[in-house]
Structures are given as structure tokens and as C-alpha cells.
Amino acid sequence: MEDIRDSLKNILVQTKKKSDFLEKFKSFFSPQERKHIDRVRIYKDRVVFYLDSPLLRYKLNLKRGEILREMRKEGFNFSGIIFKV
């Protein structure tokens, strides 16, 4: 019974982290940039943003370091950010 309780607790903690991130990620991007983000995925210690515009991918790649610093200030300890079209 303890194993199930611990497993459920871990799942709830991970889900809370993801939902917190999805709420806060909006502050990292401008409203125009948010329109082009199709979905977000957390994979291991990286966050992957799926975009619908190659031009936006280029612009966000230039701002990658700044976005990562802002995420770390908010308490998200990702090792990297990936932008995919």
C-alpha cells in the first residue's frame, strides 16, 4: 500500500510541476509569439516548444538564453530549450 501511495504522490507532484509551468510559460513570450506555439512538452530535463513558423523559430533561438534565464528565475531548472517546427 505504501508503494502505491508513494507512486501516486510522485505522479501528482510531476503533474503539478507541468501544470504550473504551462500557466507560467505565457509570461516568457509575447502575445504574438504565443499564438504560434502549438504545444509544449517536457522531456527529461529539457522543454520542447512546437511552433508553426520557421521565422519564429529563428527569432526564439536568438532569445533562447534570455528565456532560459527567466525560467530559472521562476524556479524551473531545465538544462535546455528546444524549438521545433
C-alpha atoms as a PDB file:
ATOM      1  CA  MET A   1       0.000   0.000   0.000  1.00  0.00           C
ATOM      2  CA  GLU A   2       2.871   2.367   0.761  1.00  0.00           C
ATOM      3  CA  ASP A   3       4.348   1.825  -2.701  1.00  0.00           C
ATOM      4  CA  ILE A   4       1.088   2.825  -4.385  1.00  0.00           C
ATOM      5  CA  ARG A   5       0.759   5.893  -2.174  1.00  0.00           C
ATOM      6  CA  ASP A   6       4.333   6.968  -2.951  1.00  0.00           C
ATOM      7  CA  SER A   7       3.819   6.392  -6.672  1.00  0.00           C
ATOM      8  CA  LEU A   8       0.613   8.438  -6.707  1.00  0.00           C
ATOM      9  CA  LYS A   9       2.300  11.210  -4.755  1.00  0.00           C
ATOM     10  CA  ASN A  10       5.155  11.321  -7.286  1.00  0.00           C
ATOM     11  CA  ILE A  11       2.701  11.424 -10.187  1.00  0.00           C
ATOM     12  CA  LEU A  12       0.764  14.273  -8.580  1.00  0.00           C
ATOM     13  CA  VAL A  13       3.961  16.242  -7.932  1.00  0.00           C
ATOM     14  CA  GLN A  14       5.066  15.819 -11.564  1.00  0.00           C
ATOM     15  CA  THR A  15       1.617  16.801 -12.840  1.00  0.00           C
ATOM     16  CA  LYS A  16       1.599  19.889 -10.632  1.00  0.00           C
ATOM     17  CA  LYS A  17       5.022  20.913 -11.943  1.00  0.00           C
ATOM     18  CA  LYS A  18       3.817  20.578 -15.539  1.00  0.00           C
ATOM     19  CA  SER A  19       0.594  22.485 -14.956  1.00  0.00           C
ATOM     20  CA  ASP A  20       2.473  25.230 -13.079  1.00  0.00           C
ATOM     21  CA  PHE A  21       4.851  25.509 -15.995  1.00  0.00           C
ATOM     22  CA  LEU A  22       2.051  25.715 -18.541  1.00  0.00           C
ATOM     23  CA  GLU A  23       0.480  28.565 -16.598  1.00  0.00           C
ATOM     24  CA  LYS A  24       3.747  30.447 -16.156  1.00  0.00           C
ATOM     25  CA  PHE A  25       5.198  29.858 -19.615  1.00  0.00           C
ATOM     26  CA  LYS A  26       2.891  32.507 -21.025  1.00  0.00           C
ATOM     27  CA  SER A  27       4.905  35.194 -19.266  1.00  0.00           C
ATOM     28  CA  PHE A  28       8.093  34.141 -21.080  1.00  0.00           C
ATOM     29  CA  PHE A  29       6.693  35.002 -24.522  1.00  0.00           C
ATOM     30  CA  SER A  30       4.925  37.938 -26.113  1.00  0.00           C
ATOM     31  CA  PRO A  31       1.253  37.527 -27.106  1.00  0.00           C
ATOM     32  CA  GLN A  32       2.282  37.370 -30.778  1.00  0.00           C
ATOM     33  CA  GLU A  33       4.781  34.583 -30.046  1.00  0.00           C
ATOM     34  CA  ARG A  34       2.226  32.634 -28.003  1.00  0.00           C
ATOM     35  CA  LYS A  35      -0.099  32.453 -30.994  1.00  0.00           C
ATOM     36  CA  HIS A  36       2.466  30.376 -32.877  1.00  0.00           C
ATOM     37  CA  ILE A  37       3.239  27.889 -30.094  1.00  0.00           C
ATOM     38  CA  ASP A  38       1.225  24.757 -30.832  1.00  0.00           C
ATOM     39  CA  ARG A  39       2.206  22.688 -27.806  1.00  0.00           C
ATOM     40  CA  VAL A  40       4.783  22.284 -25.084  1.00  0.00           C
ATOM     41  CA  ARG A  41       6.475  19.086 -23.976  1.00  0.00           C
ATOM     42  CA  ILE A  42       8.799  18.444 -21.080  1.00  0.00           C
ATOM     43  CA  TYR A  43      11.307  15.755 -21.945  1.00  0.00           C
ATOM     44  CA  LYS A  44      13.805  14.695 -19.294  1.00  0.00           C
ATOM     45  CA  ASP A  45      15.420  17.971 -18.233  1.00  0.00           C
ATOM     46  CA  ARG A  46      14.550  19.969 -21.361  1.00  0.00           C
ATOM     47  CA  VAL A  47      11.456  21.770 -22.517  1.00  0.00           C
ATOM     48  CA  VAL A  48      10.362  21.452 -26.156  1.00  0.00           C
ATOM     49  CA  PHE A  49       8.185  24.068 -27.838  1.00  0.00           C
ATOM     50  CA  TYR A  50       6.460  23.054 -31.075  1.00  0.00           C
ATOM     51  CA  LEU A  51       5.962  26.047 -33.362  1.00  0.00           C
ATOM     52  CA  ASP A  52       4.100  26.630 -36.595  1.00  0.00           C
ATOM     53  CA  SER A  53       6.501  29.199 -38.036  1.00  0.00           C
ATOM     54  CA  PRO A  54      10.148  28.762 -39.091  1.00  0.00           C
ATOM     55  CA  LEU A  55      10.656  32.519 -38.799  1.00  0.00           C
ATOM     56  CA  LEU A  56       9.506  32.497 -35.177  1.00  0.00           C
ATOM     57  CA  ARG A  57      11.810  29.538 -34.528  1.00  0.00           C
ATOM     58  CA  TYR A  58      14.739  31.630 -35.722  1.00  0.00           C
ATOM     59  CA  LYS A  59      13.734  34.590 -33.531  1.00  0.00           C
ATOM     60  CA  LEU A  60      13.223  32.434 -30.448  1.00  0.00           C
ATOM     61  CA  ASN A  61      16.550  30.688 -30.982  1.00  0.00           C
ATOM     62  CA  LEU A  62      18.179  34.119 -30.733  1.00  0.00           C
ATOM     63  CA  LYS A  63      16.342  34.716 -27.420  1.00  0.00           C
ATOM     64  CA  ARG A  64      16.948  31.196 -26.061  1.00  0.00           C
ATOM     65  CA  GLY A  65      19.434  32.230 -23.362  1.00  0.00           C
ATOM     66  CA  GLU A  66      17.216  35.042 -22.131  1.00  0.00           C
ATOM     67  CA  ILE A  67      14.155  32.764 -21.960  1.00  0.00           C
ATOM     68  CA  LEU A  68      16.128  30.090 -20.109  1.00  0.00           C
ATOM     69  CA  ARG A  69      17.346  32.654 -17.549  1.00  0.00           C
ATOM     70  CA  GLU A  70      13.775  33.848 -16.986  1.00  0.00           C
ATOM     71  CA  MET A  71      12.606  30.263 -16.491  1.00  0.00           C
ATOM     72  CA  ARG A  72      15.337  29.639 -13.942  1.00  0.00           C
ATOM     73  CA  LYS A  73      14.327  32.786 -12.054  1.00  0.00           C
ATOM     74  CA  GLU A  74      10.810  31.324 -11.815  1.00  0.00           C
ATOM     75  CA  GLY A  75      12.227  28.107 -10.367  1.00  0.00           C
ATOM     76  CA  PHE A  76      12.271  25.854 -13.429  1.00  0.00           C
ATOM     77  CA  ASN A  77      15.638  24.105 -13.660  1.00  0.00           C
ATOM     78  CA  PHE A  78      15.729  22.994 -17.273  1.00  0.00           C
ATOM     79  CA  SER A  79      19.073  22.261 -18.878  1.00  0.00           C
ATOM     80  CA  GLY A  80      17.895  23.471 -22.263  1.00  0.00           C
ATOM     81  CA  ILE A  81      15.140  24.682 -24.524  1.00  0.00           C
ATOM     82  CA  ILE A  82      14.340  23.185 -27.921  1.00  0.00           C
ATOM     83  CA  PHE A  83      12.213  24.879 -30.572  1.00  0.00           C
ATOM     84  CA  LYS A  84      10.779  22.624 -33.288  1.00  0.00           C
ATOM     85  CA  VAL A  85       8.654  23.399 -36.321  1.00  0.00           C
END
